[in-house]
Amino acid sequence: MKLVLHNYWRSSASQRVRIGLGLKGLAYDYIVVNIVKAEQFADAYRTRNPMAQVPTLEITEADGTRVALTQSLPILEYLEDRFPEPPILPRDLVSRHRARALAELVNSGIQPLQNLTTTNAVKALGGDVTGWVRPFIADGLAAYARLAAELAGAFSVGDSPSIADCCLIPQLASARRFGVDYSMHTLLVAIEERCLALPAFAAASPDQQPDAVKS
């Protein structure tokens, strides 16, 4: 089996999948899709991802069968189903739901409001991109902190990293990029510190990617 991840260094959705692959101990080839240069709209890429988004995980089986998986959370769920150890979804049903709920809070409640398509539209309308983004991130992280507090241990749900942490850590990176202070959420700060101490999270960080733009 060969895994190829089509992604972009600063895409939070791409980072989620990089983290998941790292937690599962899966090696993959890294293919750059520069969304700032609109490479995601090329016909060749659209055949893999009709929505023209990153990431796309392309899997080639030993028999030559090939499939392209899209959307970060379904990709992570696929990895969990196919490679169940170590788990990124808790076994307990309530904890399992909570991990998914926290992941979705980021995935649908925060990230779409800060992604490049949205911020480009805000800019085109003459709006202040940073002023637009900050309240959504701040409110979303406050909600995440409140929800996580009920079942958190060392990580967002219990004492092992889960799909929730795969989404939280990229979102915290975006918060820093947009100048959103989350230091008052001490639980999130502690979870981030523990996550980034793990190789899977550290290696998936935006500044560690081959296409990272150094500031």
Protein backbone atom coordinates (compact mmCIF):
# COMPACT_ATOMS: atom_id res chain seq x y z
CA MET A 1 0.00 0.00 0.00
CA LYS A 2 1.18 3.50 -0.87
CA LEU A 3 -0.19 6.69 0.67
CA VAL A 4 0.11 10.08 -1.02
CA LEU A 5 -1.12 13.19 0.76
CA HIS A 6 -1.95 16.15 -1.44
CA ASN A 7 -1.88 19.11 0.93
CA TYR A 8 -0.63 22.58 1.80
CA TRP A 9 1.63 23.51 4.68
CA ARG A 10 -0.62 26.11 6.33
CA SER A 11 -3.94 24.39 5.69
CA SER A 12 -5.41 23.41 9.05
CA ALA A 13 -7.42 20.63 7.44
CA SER A 14 -4.22 19.25 5.92
CA GLN A 15 -2.49 19.46 9.29
CA ARG A 16 -5.25 17.39 10.89
CA VAL A 17 -4.59 14.54 8.49
CA ARG A 18 -0.81 14.81 8.88
CA ILE A 19 -1.33 14.44 12.63
CA GLY A 20 -3.62 11.44 12.17
CA LEU A 21 -1.16 9.71 9.85
CA GLY A 22 1.60 10.35 12.37
CA LEU A 23 -0.41 8.99 15.29
CA LYS A 24 -1.11 5.85 13.26
CA GLY A 25 2.57 5.52 12.34
CA LEU A 26 1.81 5.63 8.61
CA ALA A 27 4.40 6.82 6.11
CA TYR A 28 3.22 8.89 3.14
CA ASP A 29 4.47 10.90 0.20
CA TYR A 30 3.94 14.65 0.53
CA ILE A 31 2.59 16.43 -2.54
CA VAL A 32 2.24 20.20 -2.45
CA VAL A 33 -0.98 21.81 -3.64
CA ASN A 34 -0.37 25.55 -3.29
CA ILE A 35 -3.81 26.94 -2.60
CA VAL A 36 -2.50 30.52 -2.57
CA LYS A 37 -1.48 30.02 -6.20
CA ALA A 38 -4.85 28.35 -6.92
CA GLU A 39 -3.26 25.02 -7.83
CA GLN A 40 -6.27 23.26 -6.32
CA PHE A 41 -8.35 24.41 -9.31
CA ALA A 42 -6.20 22.61 -11.89
CA ASP A 43 -8.12 19.98 -13.84
CA ALA A 44 -5.72 17.21 -12.78
CA TYR A 45 -6.34 17.96 -9.11
CA ARG A 46 -10.10 18.33 -9.53
CA THR A 47 -10.25 14.76 -10.80
CA ARG A 48 -9.10 13.72 -7.32
CA ASN A 49 -11.04 16.33 -5.37
CA PRO A 50 -14.05 17.82 -7.19
CA MET A 51 -14.47 20.46 -4.47
CA ALA A 52 -10.94 21.71 -5.21
CA GLN A 53 -9.89 21.65 -1.57
CA VAL A 54 -7.03 20.18 0.42
CA PRO A 55 -6.27 17.63 1.66
CA THR A 56 -6.72 14.60 -0.53
CA LEU A 57 -5.32 11.25 0.58
CA GLU A 58 -4.61 8.97 -2.36
CA ILE A 59 -4.26 5.27 -1.58
CA THR A 60 -2.80 2.73 -3.97
CA GLU A 61 -3.27 -0.87 -2.92
CA ALA A 62 -0.84 -3.71 -3.65
CA ASP A 63 -3.09 -4.88 -6.49
CA GLY A 64 -2.99 -1.44 -8.12
CA THR A 65 -6.44 -0.34 -6.96
CA ARG A 66 -6.45 3.39 -6.31
CA VAL A 67 -8.84 5.58 -4.35
CA ALA A 68 -8.78 9.28 -3.49
CA LEU A 69 -10.21 10.24 -0.10
CA THR A 70 -11.37 13.79 0.56
CA GLN A 71 -12.47 15.90 3.55
CA SER A 72 -10.26 15.74 6.62
CA LEU A 73 -12.65 14.21 9.16
CA PRO A 74 -13.84 11.36 6.91
CA ILE A 75 -10.18 10.70 6.08
CA LEU A 76 -9.38 10.44 9.79
CA GLU A 77 -12.38 8.15 10.30
CA TYR A 78 -11.15 5.95 7.44
CA LEU A 79 -7.72 5.73 9.04
CA GLU A 80 -9.34 4.78 12.33
CA ASP A 81 -11.44 2.05 10.71
CA ARG A 82 -8.59 0.58 8.72
CA PHE A 83 -5.78 1.04 11.24
CA PRO A 84 -7.53 0.87 14.63
CA GLU A 85 -4.36 0.89 16.73
CA PRO A 86 -3.52 3.20 18.31
CA PRO A 87 -7.07 4.55 18.42
CA ILE A 88 -7.96 8.17 17.79
CA LEU A 89 -11.57 7.57 18.82
CA PRO A 90 -12.31 6.47 22.40
CA ARG A 91 -14.01 3.11 22.92
CA ASP A 92 -16.59 4.46 25.39
CA LEU A 93 -19.62 5.69 23.46
CA VAL A 94 -20.06 8.99 25.30
CA SER A 95 -16.37 9.80 25.04
CA ARG A 96 -16.43 8.76 21.39
CA HIS A 97 -19.29 11.15 20.72
CA ARG A 98 -17.55 13.93 22.61
CA ALA A 99 -14.37 13.54 20.58
CA ARG A 100 -16.37 13.76 17.37
CA ALA A 101 -18.38 16.73 18.67
CA LEU A 102 -15.23 18.66 19.56
CA ALA A 103 -13.71 17.87 16.18
CA GLU A 104 -16.88 19.05 14.44
CA LEU A 105 -16.99 22.21 16.55
CA VAL A 106 -13.69 23.17 14.93
CA ASN A 107 -14.42 21.68 11.52
CA SER A 108 -17.79 23.32 10.91
CA GLY A 109 -18.02 25.97 13.62
CA ILE A 110 -14.69 27.79 13.23
CA GLN A 111 -12.55 26.74 10.29
CA PRO A 112 -14.92 27.55 7.38
CA LEU A 113 -15.11 31.15 8.59
CA GLN A 114 -11.33 31.58 8.39
CA ASN A 115 -10.45 29.56 5.30
CA LEU A 116 -8.89 31.15 2.25
CA THR A 117 -12.07 31.14 0.16
CA THR A 118 -13.97 33.01 2.87
CA THR A 119 -11.23 35.51 3.70
CA ASN A 120 -10.68 36.25 0.01
CA ALA A 121 -14.40 36.99 -0.32
CA VAL A 122 -14.30 39.27 2.73
CA LYS A 123 -11.31 41.08 1.27
CA ALA A 124 -12.99 41.43 -2.12
CA LEU A 125 -15.94 43.12 -0.42
CA GLY A 126 -13.59 45.58 1.25
CA GLY A 127 -13.77 44.01 4.69
CA ASP A 128 -11.12 43.66 7.37
CA VAL A 129 -10.08 40.00 7.25
CA THR A 130 -8.51 39.93 10.71
CA GLY A 131 -11.45 41.77 12.24
CA TRP A 132 -13.80 39.29 10.58
CA VAL A 133 -11.95 36.17 11.70
CA ARG A 134 -10.98 36.92 15.29
CA PRO A 135 -14.43 36.82 16.96
CA PHE A 136 -15.30 33.48 15.37
CA ILE A 137 -12.05 31.90 16.53
CA ALA A 138 -12.30 33.39 20.03
CA ASP A 139 -15.91 32.31 20.53
CA GLY A 140 -15.25 28.87 19.08
CA LEU A 141 -12.26 28.21 21.31
CA ALA A 142 -14.23 29.35 24.36
CA ALA A 143 -16.96 26.85 23.47
CA TYR A 144 -14.36 24.12 22.88
CA ALA A 145 -12.80 24.77 26.29
CA ARG A 146 -16.16 24.55 28.06
CA LEU A 147 -17.16 21.33 26.29
CA ALA A 148 -13.75 19.69 26.69
CA ALA A 149 -13.62 20.43 30.42
CA GLU A 150 -16.26 17.76 31.11
CA LEU A 151 -14.21 14.78 29.89
CA ALA A 152 -10.68 16.10 29.45
CA GLY A 153 -7.69 14.36 30.96
CA ALA A 154 -4.22 14.93 29.62
CA PHE A 155 -5.88 15.54 26.22
CA SER A 156 -9.24 16.84 25.00
CA VAL A 157 -11.06 13.59 25.81
CA GLY A 158 -9.33 11.43 28.39
CA ASP A 159 -5.63 10.68 28.54
CA SER A 160 -4.91 9.76 24.91
CA PRO A 161 -4.88 12.02 21.85
CA SER A 162 -8.02 11.76 19.76
CA ILE A 163 -9.60 13.13 16.61
CA ALA A 164 -10.52 16.17 18.70
CA ASP A 165 -6.86 17.00 19.31
CA CYS A 166 -6.12 16.47 15.61
CA CYS A 167 -8.48 19.40 15.00
CA LEU A 168 -7.65 21.54 18.04
CA ILE A 169 -3.92 21.89 17.50
CA PRO A 170 -4.18 23.25 13.92
CA GLN A 171 -6.91 25.63 15.09
CA LEU A 172 -4.67 26.97 17.85
CA ALA A 173 -1.97 27.54 15.24
CA SER A 174 -4.49 29.55 13.23
CA ALA A 175 -5.47 31.49 16.35
CA ARG A 176 -1.88 32.58 16.81
CA ARG A 177 -1.59 33.53 13.15
CA PHE A 178 -4.63 35.80 13.43
CA GLY A 179 -3.55 37.24 16.77
CA VAL A 180 -6.25 35.63 18.90
CA ASP A 181 -5.25 35.33 22.56
CA TYR A 182 -6.36 32.04 24.09
CA SER A 183 -4.08 32.05 27.12
CA MET A 184 -7.09 32.40 29.44
CA HIS A 185 -8.14 28.87 28.40
CA THR A 186 -5.56 27.11 30.52
CA LEU A 187 -6.92 23.69 29.62
CA LEU A 188 -6.31 24.30 25.92
CA VAL A 189 -2.84 25.67 26.60
CA ALA A 190 -1.98 22.54 28.61
CA ILE A 191 -3.39 20.20 25.96
CA GLU A 192 -1.43 21.99 23.25
CA GLU A 193 1.78 21.65 25.22
CA ARG A 194 1.25 17.91 25.71
CA CYS A 195 0.32 17.38 22.08
CA LEU A 196 3.29 19.24 20.67
CA ALA A 197 5.58 17.14 22.85
CA LEU A 198 4.49 14.12 20.78
CA PRO A 199 6.36 13.46 17.50
CA ALA A 200 3.16 13.05 15.46
CA PHE A 201 1.99 16.55 16.33
CA ALA A 202 5.38 18.22 16.18
CA ALA A 203 6.21 16.76 12.76
CA ALA A 204 2.83 17.86 11.38
CA SER A 205 3.31 21.51 12.40
CA PRO A 206 3.08 23.97 9.51
CA ASP A 207 6.63 25.25 9.87
CA GLN A 208 8.01 21.71 9.57
CA GLN A 209 6.57 21.10 6.10
CA PRO A 210 8.72 21.16 2.96
CA ASP A 211 6.63 23.92 1.36
CA ALA A 212 6.56 26.14 4.46
CA VAL A 213 7.19 29.81 3.79
CA LYS A 214 9.71 31.01 6.35
CA SER A 215 8.93 34.41 7.84
